[in-house]
Amino acid sequence: MLTIRLFCNEGMSTSLLVEEMKKAAAAEGTEVDIRAYPINDLDDKAKGIDCALLGPQVGYLKAKASKTCQQLGVPMDVIPMQDYGMCNGKNVLAFAKKLAGK
């Protein structure tokens, strides 16, 4: 089971991407738990996950989020703008898997 959390402004703009990532995971037979939350929930929602992904619109918070994630031992990065904009669930899932070392 790969547990991924996406963080953006309100946790809503990434919901479409979450669904596309779930479809991509199902197509390749990967068991996932993917959810989106507002960036303000990072401290609580990043515990015990395989990786955290920031939406490009909150990428400016990467340094702050990185500190939190490092303390929790969670790899974190910003979703590539093109994949986010195109809602490319397959590419973002691959990005998350690589980040999580899976």
N, C-alpha and C. Protein backbone atom coordinates (compact mmCIF):
# COMPACT_ATOMS: atom_id res chain seq x y z
N MET A 1 0.85 -1.19 0.00
CA MET A 1 0.00 0.00 0.00
C MET A 1 0.89 1.24 0.00
N LEU A 2 0.67 2.10 -0.95
CA LEU A 2 1.40 3.36 -1.07
C LEU A 2 0.48 4.48 -0.59
N THR A 3 0.91 5.18 0.45
CA THR A 3 0.11 6.25 1.03
C THR A 3 0.68 7.59 0.62
N ILE A 4 -0.12 8.34 -0.13
CA ILE A 4 0.31 9.63 -0.69
C ILE A 4 -0.67 10.70 -0.25
N ARG A 5 -0.15 11.85 0.14
CA ARG A 5 -0.99 12.99 0.48
C ARG A 5 -0.57 14.17 -0.39
N LEU A 6 -1.57 14.81 -0.99
CA LEU A 6 -1.34 16.00 -1.79
C LEU A 6 -1.82 17.20 -0.99
N PHE A 7 -1.06 18.27 -1.03
CA PHE A 7 -1.41 19.47 -0.29
C PHE A 7 -1.45 20.67 -1.23
N CYS A 8 -2.54 21.44 -1.14
CA CYS A 8 -2.70 22.63 -1.97
C CYS A 8 -3.34 23.73 -1.11
N ASN A 9 -3.87 24.75 -1.74
CA ASN A 9 -4.45 25.86 -0.98
C ASN A 9 -5.59 25.41 -0.08
N GLU A 10 -6.58 24.78 -0.66
CA GLU A 10 -7.76 24.39 0.10
C GLU A 10 -8.02 22.89 0.10
N GLY A 11 -7.21 22.11 -0.59
CA GLY A 11 -7.42 20.68 -0.66
C GLY A 11 -8.45 20.27 -1.69
N MET A 12 -8.95 21.24 -2.45
CA MET A 12 -9.99 20.92 -3.43
C MET A 12 -9.45 20.88 -4.86
N SER A 13 -8.53 21.76 -5.18
CA SER A 13 -8.05 21.84 -6.56
C SER A 13 -7.30 20.57 -6.97
N THR A 14 -6.82 19.81 -6.02
CA THR A 14 -6.11 18.59 -6.37
C THR A 14 -7.02 17.37 -6.41
N SER A 15 -8.29 17.52 -6.08
CA SER A 15 -9.19 16.37 -6.02
C SER A 15 -9.31 15.66 -7.37
N LEU A 16 -9.32 16.40 -8.46
CA LEU A 16 -9.35 15.80 -9.79
C LEU A 16 -8.09 14.99 -10.05
N LEU A 17 -6.95 15.54 -9.66
CA LEU A 17 -5.69 14.85 -9.84
C LEU A 17 -5.65 13.58 -8.99
N VAL A 18 -6.17 13.64 -7.78
CA VAL A 18 -6.23 12.46 -6.92
C VAL A 18 -7.00 11.34 -7.62
N GLU A 19 -8.13 11.66 -8.21
CA GLU A 19 -8.92 10.65 -8.90
C GLU A 19 -8.17 10.07 -10.09
N GLU A 20 -7.46 10.90 -10.83
CA GLU A 20 -6.68 10.41 -11.97
C GLU A 20 -5.52 9.53 -11.51
N MET A 21 -4.93 9.87 -10.38
CA MET A 21 -3.85 9.05 -9.82
C MET A 21 -4.39 7.69 -9.38
N LYS A 22 -5.57 7.69 -8.79
CA LYS A 22 -6.19 6.42 -8.37
C LYS A 22 -6.50 5.54 -9.57
N LYS A 23 -6.98 6.15 -10.66
CA LYS A 23 -7.25 5.39 -11.89
C LYS A 23 -5.96 4.78 -12.44
N ALA A 24 -4.90 5.57 -12.44
CA ALA A 24 -3.60 5.10 -12.95
C ALA A 24 -3.09 3.95 -12.08
N ALA A 25 -3.24 4.07 -10.78
CA ALA A 25 -2.80 3.02 -9.87
C ALA A 25 -3.58 1.72 -10.10
N ALA A 26 -4.88 1.86 -10.27
CA ALA A 26 -5.72 0.68 -10.52
C ALA A 26 -5.32 0.00 -11.83
N ALA A 27 -5.02 0.79 -12.84
CA ALA A 27 -4.64 0.25 -14.14
C ALA A 27 -3.34 -0.54 -14.07
N GLU A 28 -2.43 -0.13 -13.18
CA GLU A 28 -1.15 -0.85 -13.07
C GLU A 28 -1.13 -1.83 -11.90
N GLY A 29 -2.24 -1.94 -11.18
CA GLY A 29 -2.33 -2.90 -10.08
C GLY A 29 -1.62 -2.49 -8.82
N THR A 30 -1.47 -1.18 -8.61
CA THR A 30 -0.82 -0.67 -7.41
C THR A 30 -1.88 -0.27 -6.39
N GLU A 31 -1.74 -0.77 -5.19
CA GLU A 31 -2.68 -0.43 -4.11
C GLU A 31 -2.25 0.90 -3.50
N VAL A 32 -3.17 1.87 -3.47
CA VAL A 32 -2.84 3.21 -2.99
C VAL A 32 -3.89 3.76 -2.03
N ASP A 33 -3.45 4.70 -1.24
CA ASP A 33 -4.33 5.53 -0.41
C ASP A 33 -3.88 6.96 -0.70
N ILE A 34 -4.65 7.65 -1.53
CA ILE A 34 -4.28 9.00 -1.96
C ILE A 34 -5.40 9.95 -1.55
N ARG A 35 -5.02 11.04 -0.89
CA ARG A 35 -5.98 12.05 -0.46
C ARG A 35 -5.37 13.43 -0.59
N ALA A 36 -6.25 14.43 -0.70
CA ALA A 36 -5.81 15.83 -0.81
C ALA A 36 -6.29 16.61 0.41
N TYR A 37 -5.43 17.50 0.87
CA TYR A 37 -5.74 18.34 2.03
C TYR A 37 -5.20 19.75 1.81
N PRO A 38 -5.72 20.71 2.58
CA PRO A 38 -5.14 22.05 2.55
C PRO A 38 -3.72 22.01 3.14
N ILE A 39 -2.87 22.87 2.64
CA ILE A 39 -1.48 22.92 3.10
C ILE A 39 -1.40 23.16 4.62
N ASN A 40 -2.38 23.85 5.18
CA ASN A 40 -2.37 24.12 6.62
C ASN A 40 -2.52 22.85 7.45
N ASP A 41 -2.94 21.75 6.83
CA ASP A 41 -3.12 20.48 7.53
C ASP A 41 -1.88 19.57 7.44
N LEU A 42 -0.82 20.08 6.83
CA LEU A 42 0.37 19.26 6.60
C LEU A 42 0.90 18.63 7.89
N ASP A 43 1.00 19.41 8.94
CA ASP A 43 1.57 18.89 10.20
C ASP A 43 0.83 17.66 10.69
N ASP A 44 -0.49 17.67 10.58
CA ASP A 44 -1.30 16.54 11.08
C ASP A 44 -1.43 15.41 10.07
N LYS A 45 -1.53 15.73 8.81
CA LYS A 45 -1.85 14.73 7.80
C LYS A 45 -0.63 14.04 7.17
N ALA A 46 0.57 14.51 7.47
CA ALA A 46 1.77 13.92 6.87
C ALA A 46 2.37 12.80 7.72
N LYS A 47 1.82 12.55 8.87
CA LYS A 47 2.37 11.51 9.74
C LYS A 47 2.10 10.12 9.18
N GLY A 48 3.16 9.31 9.10
CA GLY A 48 3.02 7.93 8.70
C GLY A 48 2.70 7.66 7.24
N ILE A 49 2.99 8.61 6.37
CA ILE A 49 2.71 8.42 4.94
C ILE A 49 4.00 8.11 4.18
N ASP A 50 3.86 7.66 2.95
CA ASP A 50 5.03 7.34 2.13
C ASP A 50 5.63 8.56 1.45
N CYS A 51 4.78 9.53 1.08
CA CYS A 51 5.30 10.77 0.52
C CYS A 51 4.22 11.85 0.52
N ALA A 52 4.68 13.08 0.52
CA ALA A 52 3.81 14.26 0.47
C ALA A 52 4.13 15.03 -0.80
N LEU A 53 3.08 15.46 -1.49
CA LEU A 53 3.24 16.23 -2.72
C LEU A 53 2.55 17.57 -2.55
N LEU A 54 3.25 18.64 -2.92
CA LEU A 54 2.66 19.98 -2.87
C LEU A 54 2.18 20.36 -4.26
N GLY A 55 1.01 20.97 -4.33
CA GLY A 55 0.55 21.54 -5.58
C GLY A 55 1.45 22.71 -5.95
N PRO A 56 1.65 22.96 -7.23
CA PRO A 56 2.53 24.05 -7.66
C PRO A 56 2.13 25.41 -7.08
N GLN A 57 0.82 25.61 -6.83
CA GLN A 57 0.36 26.89 -6.31
C GLN A 57 0.83 27.15 -4.89
N VAL A 58 1.28 26.12 -4.18
CA VAL A 58 1.84 26.31 -2.83
C VAL A 58 3.32 25.93 -2.79
N GLY A 59 3.91 25.84 -3.96
CA GLY A 59 5.33 25.50 -4.06
C GLY A 59 6.24 26.47 -3.33
N TYR A 60 5.79 27.70 -3.17
CA TYR A 60 6.58 28.70 -2.44
C TYR A 60 6.72 28.33 -0.97
N LEU A 61 5.94 27.39 -0.49
CA LEU A 61 6.01 26.93 0.91
C LEU A 61 6.88 25.67 1.06
N LYS A 62 7.59 25.32 0.00
CA LYS A 62 8.37 24.09 0.02
C LYS A 62 9.38 24.04 1.16
N ALA A 63 10.09 25.12 1.41
CA ALA A 63 11.10 25.12 2.48
C ALA A 63 10.48 24.84 3.85
N LYS A 64 9.37 25.49 4.11
CA LYS A 64 8.68 25.29 5.40
C LYS A 64 8.13 23.87 5.49
N ALA A 65 7.49 23.39 4.43
CA ALA A 65 6.93 22.04 4.41
C ALA A 65 8.03 21.00 4.52
N SER A 66 9.17 21.28 3.91
CA SER A 66 10.30 20.36 3.95
C SER A 66 10.78 20.12 5.37
N LYS A 67 10.82 21.16 6.17
CA LYS A 67 11.23 21.02 7.58
C LYS A 67 10.29 20.07 8.32
N THR A 68 9.01 20.28 8.14
CA THR A 68 8.01 19.42 8.79
C THR A 68 8.18 17.98 8.33
N CYS A 69 8.28 17.79 7.03
CA CYS A 69 8.38 16.44 6.48
C CYS A 69 9.67 15.75 6.89
N GLN A 70 10.76 16.50 6.95
CA GLN A 70 12.04 15.92 7.39
C GLN A 70 11.92 15.41 8.82
N GLN A 71 11.28 16.19 9.68
CA GLN A 71 11.09 15.77 11.07
C GLN A 71 10.27 14.49 11.17
N LEU A 72 9.34 14.31 10.23
CA LEU A 72 8.48 13.13 10.22
C LEU A 72 9.07 11.98 9.41
N GLY A 73 10.19 12.24 8.73
CA GLY A 73 10.81 11.21 7.89
C GLY A 73 10.02 10.91 6.63
N VAL A 74 9.35 11.94 6.12
CA VAL A 74 8.49 11.79 4.93
C VAL A 74 9.10 12.54 3.75
N PRO A 75 9.37 11.84 2.64
CA PRO A 75 9.86 12.56 1.46
C PRO A 75 8.76 13.48 0.90
N MET A 76 9.18 14.64 0.42
CA MET A 76 8.22 15.64 -0.06
C MET A 76 8.82 16.39 -1.23
N ASP A 77 7.95 16.75 -2.19
CA ASP A 77 8.38 17.58 -3.31
C ASP A 77 7.16 18.25 -3.92
N VAL A 78 7.41 19.16 -4.83
CA VAL A 78 6.35 19.89 -5.53
C VAL A 78 6.01 19.14 -6.82
N ILE A 79 4.74 18.96 -7.08
CA ILE A 79 4.28 18.30 -8.30
C ILE A 79 4.71 19.14 -9.51
N PRO A 80 5.30 18.52 -10.52
CA PRO A 80 5.68 19.28 -11.72
C PRO A 80 4.46 20.01 -12.31
N MET A 81 4.65 21.27 -12.63
CA MET A 81 3.59 22.14 -13.10
C MET A 81 2.84 21.56 -14.30
N GLN A 82 3.58 21.04 -15.26
CA GLN A 82 2.93 20.52 -16.48
C GLN A 82 2.01 19.34 -16.15
N ASP A 83 2.49 18.41 -15.33
CA ASP A 83 1.67 17.25 -14.98
C ASP A 83 0.46 17.66 -14.14
N TYR A 84 0.65 18.64 -13.28
CA TYR A 84 -0.46 19.13 -12.47
C TYR A 84 -1.51 19.79 -13.36
N GLY A 85 -1.04 20.67 -14.25
CA GLY A 85 -1.94 21.40 -15.14
C GLY A 85 -2.70 20.49 -16.10
N MET A 86 -2.04 19.42 -16.54
CA MET A 86 -2.66 18.47 -17.47
C MET A 86 -3.44 17.39 -16.72
N CYS A 87 -3.38 17.43 -15.39
CA CYS A 87 -4.05 16.43 -14.55
C CYS A 87 -3.60 15.02 -14.95
N ASN A 88 -2.27 14.88 -15.12
CA ASN A 88 -1.69 13.63 -15.58
C ASN A 88 -1.43 12.71 -14.38
N GLY A 89 -2.46 11.95 -14.02
CA GLY A 89 -2.37 11.07 -12.86
C GLY A 89 -1.28 10.02 -12.98
N LYS A 90 -1.07 9.51 -14.17
CA LYS A 90 -0.04 8.50 -14.39
C LYS A 90 1.35 9.04 -14.07
N ASN A 91 1.66 10.23 -14.60
CA ASN A 91 2.98 10.82 -14.35
C ASN A 91 3.17 11.22 -12.89
N VAL A 92 2.13 11.76 -12.28
CA VAL A 92 2.25 12.19 -10.88
C VAL A 92 2.37 10.97 -9.97
N LEU A 93 1.68 9.89 -10.30
CA LEU A 93 1.83 8.66 -9.53
C LEU A 93 3.26 8.14 -9.64
N ALA A 94 3.80 8.14 -10.84
CA ALA A 94 5.19 7.70 -11.05
C ALA A 94 6.15 8.59 -10.26
N PHE A 95 5.90 9.89 -10.25
CA PHE A 95 6.71 10.86 -9.51
C PHE A 95 6.66 10.53 -8.01
N ALA A 96 5.46 10.24 -7.50
CA ALA A 96 5.28 9.92 -6.08
C ALA A 96 5.97 8.61 -5.73
N LYS A 97 5.86 7.61 -6.60
CA LYS A 97 6.49 6.32 -6.35
C LYS A 97 8.01 6.46 -6.29
N LYS A 98 8.56 7.24 -7.20
CA LYS A 98 10.01 7.47 -7.21
C LYS A 98 10.44 8.21 -5.94
N LEU A 99 9.66 9.22 -5.57
CA LEU A 99 9.97 9.99 -4.37
C LEU A 99 9.93 9.10 -3.12
N ALA A 100 8.95 8.19 -3.08
CA ALA A 100 8.79 7.30 -1.93
C ALA A 100 9.75 6.11 -1.98
N GLY A 101 10.47 5.97 -3.10
CA GLY A 101 11.40 4.86 -3.23
C GLY A 101 10.72 3.52 -3.47
N LYS A 102 9.57 3.56 -4.16
CA LYS A 102 8.78 2.33 -4.39
C LYS A 102 8.73 2.01 -5.87
